[in-house]
PDB file of all heavy atoms in Angstrom:
ATOM      1  N   ARG A   1      16.839  -8.552   1.305  1.00  0.00           N
ATOM      2  CA  ARG A   1      17.770  -9.009   2.333  1.00  0.00           C
ATOM      3  C   ARG A   1      17.194 -10.132   3.203  1.00  0.00           C
ATOM      4  O   ARG A   1      17.908 -11.065   3.588  1.00  0.00           O
ATOM      5  CB  ARG A   1      18.158  -7.825   3.230  1.00  0.00           C
ATOM      6  CG  ARG A   1      19.218  -6.899   2.613  1.00  0.00           C
ATOM      7  CD  ARG A   1      20.598  -7.564   2.666  1.00  0.00           C
ATOM      8  NE  ARG A   1      21.660  -6.667   2.219  1.00  0.00           N
ATOM      9  CZ  ARG A   1      22.292  -5.823   3.011  1.00  0.00           C
ATOM     10  NH1 ARG A   1      21.958  -5.708   4.282  1.00  0.00           N
ATOM     11  NH2 ARG A   1      23.260  -5.068   2.527  1.00  0.00           N
ATOM     12  N   SER A   2      15.911 -10.036   3.590  1.00  0.00           N
ATOM     13  CA  SER A   2      15.356 -11.011   4.522  1.00  0.00           C
ATOM     14  C   SER A   2      15.197 -12.374   3.853  1.00  0.00           C
ATOM     15  O   SER A   2      15.094 -12.482   2.624  1.00  0.00           O
ATOM     16  CB  SER A   2      13.998 -10.536   5.054  1.00  0.00           C
ATOM     17  OG  SER A   2      13.007 -10.623   4.049  1.00  0.00           O
ATOM     18  N   LEU A   3      15.161 -13.432   4.655  1.00  0.00           N
ATOM     19  CA  LEU A   3      15.090 -14.785   4.119  1.00  0.00           C
ATOM     20  C   LEU A   3      13.757 -15.085   3.459  1.00  0.00           C
ATOM     21  O   LEU A   3      13.684 -15.821   2.472  1.00  0.00           O
ATOM     22  CB  LEU A   3      15.354 -15.800   5.243  1.00  0.00           C
ATOM     23  CG  LEU A   3      16.790 -15.841   5.778  1.00  0.00           C
ATOM     24  CD1 LEU A   3      16.882 -16.827   6.940  1.00  0.00           C
ATOM     25  CD2 LEU A   3      17.768 -16.237   4.676  1.00  0.00           C
ATOM     26  N   THR A   4      12.657 -14.521   3.992  1.00  0.00           N
ATOM     27  CA  THR A   4      11.325 -14.807   3.462  1.00  0.00           C
ATOM     28  C   THR A   4      10.814 -13.728   2.518  1.00  0.00           C
ATOM     29  O   THR A   4       9.910 -13.975   1.715  1.00  0.00           O
ATOM     30  CB  THR A   4      10.314 -14.953   4.605  1.00  0.00           C
ATOM     31  OG1 THR A   4      10.228 -13.696   5.313  1.00  0.00           O
ATOM     32  CG2 THR A   4      10.737 -16.042   5.575  1.00  0.00           C
ATOM     33  N   GLY A   5      11.361 -12.530   2.630  1.00  0.00           N
ATOM     34  CA  GLY A   5      10.850 -11.415   1.846  1.00  0.00           C
ATOM     35  C   GLY A   5       9.651 -10.743   2.472  1.00  0.00           C
ATOM     36  O   GLY A   5       9.137  -9.755   1.937  1.00  0.00           O
ATOM     37  N   PHE A   6       9.191 -11.241   3.637  1.00  0.00           N
ATOM     38  CA  PHE A   6       7.984 -10.658   4.239  1.00  0.00           C
ATOM     39  C   PHE A   6       8.243  -9.246   4.742  1.00  0.00           C
ATOM     40  O   PHE A   6       7.362  -8.379   4.652  1.00  0.00           O
ATOM     41  CB  PHE A   6       7.457 -11.530   5.382  1.00  0.00           C
ATOM     42  CG  PHE A   6       6.178 -10.981   5.984  1.00  0.00           C
ATOM     43  CD1 PHE A   6       4.972 -11.129   5.324  1.00  0.00           C
ATOM     44  CD2 PHE A   6       6.194 -10.303   7.197  1.00  0.00           C
ATOM     45  CE1 PHE A   6       3.795 -10.606   5.853  1.00  0.00           C
ATOM     46  CE2 PHE A   6       5.036  -9.775   7.736  1.00  0.00           C
ATOM     47  CZ  PHE A   6       3.828  -9.928   7.053  1.00  0.00           C
ATOM     48  N   HIS A   7       9.442  -8.987   5.287  1.00  0.00           N
ATOM     49  CA  HIS A   7       9.738  -7.628   5.751  1.00  0.00           C
ATOM     50  C   HIS A   7       9.637  -6.647   4.588  1.00  0.00           C
ATOM     51  O   HIS A   7       9.020  -5.574   4.710  1.00  0.00           O
ATOM     52  CB  HIS A   7      11.136  -7.565   6.361  1.00  0.00           C
ATOM     53  CG  HIS A   7      11.608  -6.160   6.605  1.00  0.00           C
ATOM     54  ND1 HIS A   7      11.098  -5.367   7.609  1.00  0.00           N
ATOM     55  CD2 HIS A   7      12.513  -5.392   5.931  1.00  0.00           C
ATOM     56  CE1 HIS A   7      11.679  -4.179   7.554  1.00  0.00           C
ATOM     57  NE2 HIS A   7      12.535  -4.175   6.554  1.00  0.00           N
ATOM     58  N   GLU A   8      10.212  -6.991   3.464  1.00  0.00           N
ATOM     59  CA  GLU A   8      10.184  -6.108   2.298  1.00  0.00           C
ATOM     60  C   GLU A   8       8.759  -5.967   1.759  1.00  0.00           C
ATOM     61  O   GLU A   8       8.375  -4.890   1.285  1.00  0.00           O
ATOM     62  CB  GLU A   8      11.122  -6.639   1.219  1.00  0.00           C
ATOM     63  CG  GLU A   8      12.605  -6.489   1.555  1.00  0.00           C
ATOM     64  CD  GLU A   8      13.146  -7.575   2.491  1.00  0.00           C
ATOM     65  OE1 GLU A   8      12.376  -8.477   2.877  1.00  0.00           O
ATOM     66  OE2 GLU A   8      14.333  -7.511   2.821  1.00  0.00           O
ATOM     67  N   TYR A   9       7.991  -7.048   1.832  1.00  0.00           N
ATOM     68  CA  TYR A   9       6.579  -6.975   1.424  1.00  0.00           C
ATOM     69  C   TYR A   9       5.837  -5.980   2.309  1.00  0.00           C
ATOM     70  O   TYR A   9       5.056  -5.150   1.809  1.00  0.00           O
ATOM     71  CB  TYR A   9       5.943  -8.365   1.526  1.00  0.00           C
ATOM     72  CG  TYR A   9       4.448  -8.366   1.302  1.00  0.00           C
ATOM     73  CD1 TYR A   9       3.924  -8.301   0.014  1.00  0.00           C
ATOM     74  CD2 TYR A   9       3.559  -8.448   2.374  1.00  0.00           C
ATOM     75  CE1 TYR A   9       2.558  -8.307  -0.204  1.00  0.00           C
ATOM     76  CE2 TYR A   9       2.190  -8.448   2.170  1.00  0.00           C
ATOM     77  CZ  TYR A   9       1.699  -8.377   0.872  1.00  0.00           C
ATOM     78  OH  TYR A   9       0.328  -8.373   0.674  1.00  0.00           O
ATOM     79  N   SER A  10       6.080  -6.021   3.625  1.00  0.00           N
ATOM     80  CA  SER A  10       5.432  -5.094   4.550  1.00  0.00           C
ATOM     81  C   SER A  10       5.786  -3.648   4.217  1.00  0.00           C
ATOM     82  O   SER A  10       4.928  -2.759   4.247  1.00  0.00           O
ATOM     83  CB  SER A  10       5.843  -5.414   5.996  1.00  0.00           C
ATOM     84  OG  SER A  10       5.466  -6.725   6.350  1.00  0.00           O
ATOM     85  N   VAL A  11       7.048  -3.419   3.877  1.00  0.00           N
ATOM     86  CA  VAL A  11       7.480  -2.072   3.489  1.00  0.00           C
ATOM     87  C   VAL A  11       6.766  -1.630   2.210  1.00  0.00           C
ATOM     88  O   VAL A  11       6.338  -0.479   2.095  1.00  0.00           O
ATOM     89  CB  VAL A  11       9.010  -2.028   3.304  1.00  0.00           C
ATOM     90  CG1 VAL A  11       9.445  -0.718   2.651  1.00  0.00           C
ATOM     91  CG2 VAL A  11       9.710  -2.219   4.642  1.00  0.00           C
ATOM     92  N   SER A  12       6.613  -2.540   1.264  1.00  0.00           N
ATOM     93  CA  SER A  12       5.938  -2.185   0.011  1.00  0.00           C
ATOM     94  C   SER A  12       4.479  -1.827   0.253  1.00  0.00           C
ATOM     95  O   SER A  12       3.921  -0.939  -0.410  1.00  0.00           O
ATOM     96  CB  SER A  12       6.044  -3.326  -1.015  1.00  0.00           C
ATOM     97  OG  SER A  12       5.168  -4.402  -0.708  1.00  0.00           O
ATOM     98  N   LYS A  13       3.849  -2.498   1.214  1.00  0.00           N
ATOM     99  CA  LYS A  13       2.453  -2.188   1.538  1.00  0.00           C
ATOM    100  C   LYS A  13       2.347  -0.866   2.297  1.00  0.00           C
ATOM    101  O   LYS A  13       1.364  -0.128   2.132  1.00  0.00           O
ATOM    102  CB  LYS A  13       1.839  -3.330   2.334  1.00  0.00           C
ATOM    103  CG  LYS A  13       1.732  -4.647   1.565  1.00  0.00           C
ATOM    104  CD  LYS A  13       0.673  -4.575   0.475  1.00  0.00           C
ATOM    105  CE  LYS A  13       1.178  -4.590  -0.916  1.00  0.00           C
ATOM    106  NZ  LYS A  13       0.108  -4.587  -1.933  1.00  0.00           N
ATOM    107  N   LEU A  14       3.350  -0.549   3.110  1.00  0.00           N
ATOM    108  CA  LEU A  14       3.445   0.790   3.703  1.00  0.00           C
ATOM    109  C   LEU A  14       3.489   1.831   2.589  1.00  0.00           C
ATOM    110  O   LEU A  14       2.792   2.857   2.646  1.00  0.00           O
ATOM    111  CB  LEU A  14       4.692   0.879   4.580  1.00  0.00           C
ATOM    112  CG  LEU A  14       5.150   2.281   5.000  1.00  0.00           C
ATOM    113  CD1 LEU A  14       4.154   2.910   5.965  1.00  0.00           C
ATOM    114  CD2 LEU A  14       6.546   2.226   5.627  1.00  0.00           C
ATOM    115  N   CYS A  15       4.297   1.564   1.574  1.00  0.00           N
ATOM    116  CA  CYS A  15       4.423   2.503   0.459  1.00  0.00           C
ATOM    117  C   CYS A  15       3.112   2.653  -0.308  1.00  0.00           C
ATOM    118  O   CYS A  15       2.794   3.748  -0.790  1.00  0.00           O
ATOM    119  CB  CYS A  15       5.536   2.049  -0.484  1.00  0.00           C
ATOM    120  SG  CYS A  15       7.194   2.161   0.235  1.00  0.00           S
ATOM    121  N   ASN A  16       2.347   1.570  -0.427  1.00  0.00           N
ATOM    122  CA  ASN A  16       1.049   1.665  -1.085  1.00  0.00           C
ATOM    123  C   ASN A  16       0.141   2.673  -0.381  1.00  0.00           C
ATOM    124  O   ASN A  16      -0.549   3.476  -1.027  1.00  0.00           O
ATOM    125  CB  ASN A  16       0.343   0.312  -1.097  1.00  0.00           C
ATOM    126  CG  ASN A  16       0.902  -0.677  -2.089  1.00  0.00           C
ATOM    127  OD1 ASN A  16       0.709  -1.882  -1.951  1.00  0.00           O
ATOM    128  ND2 ASN A  16       1.592  -0.200  -3.114  1.00  0.00           N
ATOM    129  N   ILE A  17       0.137   2.646   0.948  1.00  0.00           N
ATOM    130  CA  ILE A  17      -0.729   3.550   1.713  1.00  0.00           C
ATOM    131  C   ILE A  17      -0.208   4.982   1.641  1.00  0.00           C
ATOM    132  O   ILE A  17      -0.984   5.939   1.476  1.00  0.00           O
ATOM    133  CB  ILE A  17      -0.854   3.064   3.167  1.00  0.00           C
ATOM    134  CG1 ILE A  17      -1.484   1.662   3.195  1.00  0.00           C
ATOM    135  CG2 ILE A  17      -1.698   4.030   3.996  1.00  0.00           C
ATOM    136  CD1 ILE A  17      -1.462   0.999   4.554  1.00  0.00           C
ATOM    137  N   LEU A  18       1.101   5.148   1.740  1.00  0.00           N
ATOM    138  CA  LEU A  18       1.690   6.480   1.583  1.00  0.00           C
ATOM    139  C   LEU A  18       1.385   7.041   0.193  1.00  0.00           C
ATOM    140  O   LEU A  18       1.051   8.226   0.045  1.00  0.00           O
ATOM    141  CB  LEU A  18       3.204   6.404   1.784  1.00  0.00           C
ATOM    142  CG  LEU A  18       3.694   6.134   3.210  1.00  0.00           C
ATOM    143  CD1 LEU A  18       5.181   5.777   3.198  1.00  0.00           C
ATOM    144  CD2 LEU A  18       3.444   7.340   4.120  1.00  0.00           C
ATOM    145  N   HIS A  19       1.475   6.201  -0.811  1.00  0.00           N
ATOM    146  CA  HIS A  19       1.184   6.612  -2.191  1.00  0.00           C
ATOM    147  C   HIS A  19      -0.269   7.052  -2.317  1.00  0.00           C
ATOM    148  O   HIS A  19      -0.560   8.106  -2.924  1.00  0.00           O
ATOM    149  CB  HIS A  19       1.481   5.451  -3.145  1.00  0.00           C
ATOM    150  CG  HIS A  19       1.177   5.747  -4.577  1.00  0.00           C
ATOM    151  ND1 HIS A  19       0.836   4.755  -5.473  1.00  0.00           N
ATOM    152  CD2 HIS A  19       1.151   6.910  -5.284  1.00  0.00           C
ATOM    153  CE1 HIS A  19       0.627   5.287  -6.662  1.00  0.00           C
ATOM    154  NE2 HIS A  19       0.808   6.592  -6.578  1.00  0.00           N
ATOM    155  N   ALA A  20      -1.186   6.283  -1.749  1.00  0.00           N
ATOM    156  CA  ALA A  20      -2.609   6.635  -1.831  1.00  0.00           C
ATOM    157  C   ALA A  20      -2.878   7.990  -1.204  1.00  0.00           C
ATOM    158  O   ALA A  20      -3.602   8.828  -1.768  1.00  0.00           O
ATOM    159  CB  ALA A  20      -3.451   5.554  -1.157  1.00  0.00           C
ATOM    160  N   GLY A  21      -2.291   8.238  -0.045  1.00  0.00           N
ATOM    161  CA  GLY A  21      -2.500   9.507   0.631  1.00  0.00           C
ATOM    162  C   GLY A  21      -1.959  10.684  -0.160  1.00  0.00           C
ATOM    163  O   GLY A  21      -2.628  11.723  -0.300  1.00  0.00           O
ATOM    164  N   GLU A  22      -0.759  10.524  -0.699  1.00  0.00           N
ATOM    165  CA  GLU A  22      -0.140  11.623  -1.442  1.00  0.00           C
ATOM    166  C   GLU A  22      -0.829  11.828  -2.793  1.00  0.00           C
ATOM    167  O   GLU A  22      -0.979  12.971  -3.261  1.00  0.00           O
ATOM    168  CB  GLU A  22       1.349  11.361  -1.631  1.00  0.00           C
ATOM    169  CG  GLU A  22       2.143  12.538  -2.165  1.00  0.00           C
ATOM    170  CD  GLU A  22       2.221  13.715  -1.200  1.00  0.00           C
ATOM    171  OE1 GLU A  22       1.804  13.584  -0.024  1.00  0.00           O
ATOM    172  OE2 GLU A  22       2.691  14.779  -1.639  1.00  0.00           O
ATOM    173  N   LEU A  23      -1.257  10.752  -3.422  1.00  0.00           N
ATOM    174  CA  LEU A  23      -1.993  10.858  -4.682  1.00  0.00           C
ATOM    175  C   LEU A  23      -3.272  11.655  -4.477  1.00  0.00           C
ATOM    176  O   LEU A  23      -3.625  12.509  -5.302  1.00  0.00           O
ATOM    177  CB  LEU A  23      -2.319   9.455  -5.210  1.00  0.00           C
ATOM    178  CG  LEU A  23      -3.087   9.365  -6.534  1.00  0.00           C
ATOM    179  CD1 LEU A  23      -2.257   9.940  -7.679  1.00  0.00           C
ATOM    180  CD2 LEU A  23      -3.475   7.918  -6.830  1.00  0.00           C
ATOM    181  N   ALA A  24      -3.960  11.413  -3.366  1.00  0.00           N
ATOM    182  CA  ALA A  24      -5.192  12.148  -3.056  1.00  0.00           C
ATOM    183  C   ALA A  24      -4.896  13.625  -2.820  1.00  0.00           C
ATOM    184  O   ALA A  24      -5.644  14.504  -3.284  1.00  0.00           O
ATOM    185  CB  ALA A  24      -5.865  11.533  -1.836  1.00  0.00           C
ATOM    186  N   ARG A  25      -3.812  13.917  -2.102  1.00  0.00           N
ATOM    187  CA  ARG A  25      -3.478  15.314  -1.819  1.00  0.00           C
ATOM    188  C   ARG A  25      -3.111  16.081  -3.083  1.00  0.00           C
ATOM    189  O   ARG A  25      -3.452  17.256  -3.238  1.00  0.00           O
ATOM    190  CB  ARG A  25      -2.323  15.387  -0.807  1.00  0.00           C
ATOM    191  CG  ARG A  25      -2.745  15.119   0.628  1.00  0.00           C
ATOM    192  CD  ARG A  25      -1.614  15.346   1.607  1.00  0.00           C
ATOM    193  NE  ARG A  25      -0.625  14.282   1.569  1.00  0.00           N
ATOM    194  CZ  ARG A  25      -0.693  13.170   2.297  1.00  0.00           C
ATOM    195  NH1 ARG A  25      -1.728  12.967   3.107  1.00  0.00           N
ATOM    196  NH2 ARG A  25       0.252  12.257   2.234  1.00  0.00           N
ATOM    197  N   ARG A  26      -2.424  15.436  -4.001  1.00  0.00           N
ATOM    198  CA  ARG A  26      -1.952  16.113  -5.209  1.00  0.00           C
ATOM    199  C   ARG A  26      -2.995  16.154  -6.322  1.00  0.00           C
ATOM    200  O   ARG A  26      -2.856  16.930  -7.266  1.00  0.00           O
ATOM    201  CB  ARG A  26      -0.674  15.435  -5.725  1.00  0.00           C
ATOM    202  CG  ARG A  26       0.519  15.616  -4.796  1.00  0.00           C
ATOM    203  CD  ARG A  26       1.744  14.893  -5.316  1.00  0.00           C
ATOM    204  NE  ARG A  26       2.855  15.008  -4.381  1.00  0.00           N
ATOM    205  CZ  ARG A  26       4.036  15.572  -4.661  1.00  0.00           C
ATOM    206  NH1 ARG A  26       4.248  16.088  -5.863  1.00  0.00           N
ATOM    207  NH2 ARG A  26       4.998  15.619  -3.754  1.00  0.00           N
ATOM    208  N   ASN A  27      -4.019  15.308  -6.214  1.00  0.00           N
ATOM    209  CA  ASN A  27      -5.027  15.222  -7.275  1.00  0.00           C
ATOM    210  C   ASN A  27      -6.432  15.223  -6.660  1.00  0.00           C
ATOM    211  O   ASN A  27      -7.101  14.189  -6.613  1.00  0.00           O
ATOM    212  CB  ASN A  27      -4.814  13.947  -8.103  1.00  0.00           C
ATOM    213  CG  ASN A  27      -3.474  13.912  -8.794  1.00  0.00           C
ATOM    214  OD1 ASN A  27      -3.311  14.444  -9.889  1.00  0.00           O
ATOM    215  ND2 ASN A  27      -2.492  13.286  -8.149  1.00  0.00           N
ATOM    216  N   PRO A  28      -6.890  16.387  -6.212  1.00  0.00           N
ATOM    217  CA  PRO A  28      -8.176  16.453  -5.509  1.00  0.00           C
ATOM    218  C   PRO A  28      -9.382  16.058  -6.355  1.00  0.00           C
ATOM    219  O   PRO A  28     -10.448  15.754  -5.804  1.00  0.00           O
ATOM    220  CB  PRO A  28      -8.265  17.921  -5.067  1.00  0.00           C
ATOM    221  CG  PRO A  28      -7.292  18.657  -5.933  1.00  0.00           C
ATOM    222  CD  PRO A  28      -6.198  17.688  -6.231  1.00  0.00           C
ATOM    223  N   ALA A  29      -9.244  16.036  -7.671  1.00  0.00           N
ATOM    224  CA  ALA A  29     -10.368  15.660  -8.525  1.00  0.00           C
ATOM    225  C   ALA A  29     -10.530  14.144  -8.633  1.00  0.00           C
ATOM    226  O   ALA A  29     -11.512  13.662  -9.208  1.00  0.00           O
ATOM    227  CB  ALA A  29     -10.190  16.255  -9.922  1.00  0.00           C
ATOM    228  N   ILE A  30      -9.582  13.386  -8.089  1.00  0.00           N
ATOM    229  CA  ILE A  30      -9.633  11.924  -8.147  1.00  0.00           C
ATOM    230  C   ILE A  30      -9.861  11.369  -6.748  1.00  0.00           C
ATOM    231  O   ILE A  30      -9.162  11.742  -5.801  1.00  0.00           O
ATOM    232  CB  ILE A  30      -8.320  11.357  -8.729  1.00  0.00           C
ATOM    233  CG1 ILE A  30      -8.090  11.886 -10.146  1.00  0.00           C
ATOM    234  CG2 ILE A  30      -8.347   9.826  -8.734  1.00  0.00           C
ATOM    235  CD1 ILE A  30      -6.756  11.464 -10.746  1.00  0.00           C
ATOM    236  N   GLU A  31     -10.831  10.486  -6.603  1.00  0.00           N
ATOM    237  CA  GLU A  31     -11.037   9.797  -5.328  1.00  0.00           C
ATOM    238  C   GLU A  31     -10.042   8.641  -5.235  1.00  0.00           C
ATOM    239  O   GLU A  31      -9.916   7.849  -6.173  1.00  0.00           O
ATOM    240  CB  GLU A  31     -12.463   9.262  -5.217  1.00  0.00           C
ATOM    241  CG  GLU A  31     -13.515  10.343  -5.042  1.00  0.00           C
ATOM    242  CD  GLU A  31     -14.907   9.771  -4.861  1.00  0.00           C
ATOM    243  OE1 GLU A  31     -15.125   8.590  -5.204  1.00  0.00           O
ATOM    244  OE2 GLU A  31     -15.777  10.519  -4.390  1.00  0.00           O
ATOM    245  N   VAL A  32      -9.364   8.548  -4.101  1.00  0.00           N
ATOM    246  CA  VAL A  32      -8.333   7.526  -3.909  1.00  0.00           C
ATOM    247  C   VAL A  32      -8.585   6.811  -2.587  1.00  0.00           C
ATOM    248  O   VAL A  32      -8.872   7.451  -1.569  1.00  0.00           O
ATOM    249  CB  VAL A  32      -6.921   8.146  -3.887  1.00  0.00           C
ATOM    250  CG1 VAL A  32      -5.856   7.043  -3.826  1.00  0.00           C
ATOM    251  CG2 VAL A  32      -6.690   9.055  -5.083  1.00  0.00           C
ATOM    252  N   ALA A  33      -8.470   5.497  -2.598  1.00  0.00           N
ATOM    253  CA  ALA A  33      -8.601   4.730  -1.363  1.00  0.00           C
ATOM    254  C   ALA A  33      -7.631   3.560  -1.391  1.00  0.00           C
ATOM    255  O   ALA A  33      -7.356   2.989  -2.453  1.00  0.00           O
ATOM    256  CB  ALA A  33     -10.029   4.209  -1.175  1.00  0.00           C
ATOM    257  N   ALA A  34      -7.105   3.214  -0.216  1.00  0.00           N
ATOM    258  CA  ALA A  34      -6.289   2.010  -0.056  1.00  0.00           C
ATOM    259  C   ALA A  34      -7.076   1.041   0.806  1.00  0.00           C
ATOM    260  O   ALA A  34      -7.781   1.460   1.737  1.00  0.00           O
ATOM    261  CB  ALA A  34      -4.955   2.344   0.599  1.00  0.00           C
ATOM    262  N   VAL A  35      -6.954  -0.255   0.524  1.00  0.00           N
ATOM    263  CA  VAL A  35      -7.759  -1.232   1.253  1.00  0.00           C
ATOM    264  C   VAL A  35      -6.964  -2.499   1.555  1.00  0.00           C
ATOM    265  O   VAL A  35      -6.238  -3.012   0.701  1.00  0.00           O
ATOM    266  CB  VAL A  35      -9.052  -1.575   0.465  1.00  0.00           C
ATOM    267  CG1 VAL A  35      -8.729  -2.095  -0.935  1.00  0.00           C
ATOM    268  CG2 VAL A  35      -9.917  -2.578   1.227  1.00  0.00           C
ATOM    269  N   HIS A  36      -7.111  -2.963   2.787  1.00  0.00           N
ATOM    270  CA  HIS A  36      -6.616  -4.290   3.179  1.00  0.00           C
ATOM    271  C   HIS A  36      -7.751  -5.273   2.942  1.00  0.00           C
ATOM    272  O   HIS A  36      -8.812  -5.160   3.565  1.00  0.00           O
ATOM    273  CB  HIS A  36      -6.216  -4.277   4.654  1.00  0.00           C
ATOM    274  CG  HIS A  36      -6.019  -5.642   5.242  1.00  0.00           C
ATOM    275  ND1 HIS A  36      -5.076  -6.523   4.766  1.00  0.00           N
ATOM    276  CD2 HIS A  36      -6.655  -6.281   6.269  1.00  0.00           C
ATOM    277  CE1 HIS A  36      -5.124  -7.642   5.477  1.00  0.00           C
ATOM    278  NE2 HIS A  36      -6.078  -7.525   6.386  1.00  0.00           N
ATOM    279  N   PRO A  37      -7.582  -6.243   2.041  1.00  0.00           N
ATOM    280  CA  PRO A  37      -8.679  -7.152   1.696  1.00  0.00           C
ATOM    281  C   PRO A  37      -8.880  -8.304   2.675  1.00  0.00           C
ATOM    282  O   PRO A  37      -9.805  -9.094   2.521  1.00  0.00           O
ATOM    283  CB  PRO A  37      -8.258  -7.679   0.328  1.00  0.00           C
ATOM    284  CG  PRO A  37      -6.758  -7.695   0.401  1.00  0.00           C
ATOM    285  CD  PRO A  37      -6.376  -6.492   1.230  1.00  0.00           C
ATOM    286  N   GLY A  38      -8.007  -8.407   3.670  1.00  0.00           N
ATOM    287  CA  GLY A  38      -7.991  -9.563   4.547  1.00  0.00           C
ATOM    288  C   GLY A  38      -6.808 -10.442   4.195  1.00  0.00           C
ATOM    289  O   GLY A  38      -6.080 -10.182   3.229  1.00  0.00           O
ATOM    290  N   VAL A  39      -6.603 -11.470   4.967  1.00  0.00           N
ATOM    291  CA  VAL A  39      -5.522 -12.415   4.682  1.00  0.00           C
ATOM    292  C   VAL A  39      -6.110 -13.513   3.800  1.00  0.00           C
ATOM    293  O   VAL A  39      -6.951 -14.301   4.235  1.00  0.00           O
ATOM    294  CB  VAL A  39      -4.934 -13.007   5.982  1.00  0.00           C
ATOM    295  CG1 VAL A  39      -3.779 -13.951   5.663  1.00  0.00           C
ATOM    296  CG2 VAL A  39      -4.462 -11.885   6.904  1.00  0.00           C
ATOM    297  N   VAL A  40      -5.680 -13.542   2.554  1.00  0.00           N
ATOM    298  CA  VAL A  40      -6.357 -14.315   1.513  1.00  0.00           C
ATOM    299  C   VAL A  40      -5.432 -15.390   0.956  1.00  0.00           C
ATOM    300  O   VAL A  40      -4.233 -15.155   0.742  1.00  0.00           O
ATOM    301  CB  VAL A  40      -6.832 -13.378   0.378  1.00  0.00           C
ATOM    302  CG1 VAL A  40      -7.597 -14.156  -0.679  1.00  0.00           C
ATOM    303  CG2 VAL A  40      -7.683 -12.244   0.947  1.00  0.00           C
ATOM    304  N   ALA A  41      -5.993 -16.548   0.696  1.00  0.00           N
ATOM    305  CA  ALA A  41      -5.241 -17.664   0.102  1.00  0.00           C
ATOM    306  C   ALA A  41      -5.115 -17.424  -1.398  1.00  0.00           C
ATOM    307  O   ALA A  41      -6.014 -17.735  -2.173  1.00  0.00           O
ATOM    308  CB  ALA A  41      -5.941 -18.986   0.382  1.00  0.00           C
ATOM    309  N   THR A  42      -3.988 -16.843  -1.808  1.00  0.00           N
ATOM    310  CA  THR A  42      -3.748 -16.556  -3.219  1.00  0.00           C
ATOM    311  C   THR A  42      -2.356 -17.027  -3.612  1.00  0.00           C
ATOM    312  O   THR A  42      -1.589 -17.528  -2.785  1.00  0.00           O
ATOM    313  CB  THR A  42      -3.841 -15.038  -3.500  1.00  0.00           C
ATOM    314  OG1 THR A  42      -2.719 -14.384  -2.880  1.00  0.00           O
ATOM    315  CG2 THR A  42      -5.137 -14.451  -2.968  1.00  0.00           C
TER     316      THR A  42
END
């Protein structure tokens, strides 16, 4: 919906962190981490 797509990108990154947390809770034998790498020119 947004003109730049940045709002939706932010939501997707929220989902990445939620996913990491729930993946860790459901799979205790697997180490899971989410990381912000910085603001990178890519």
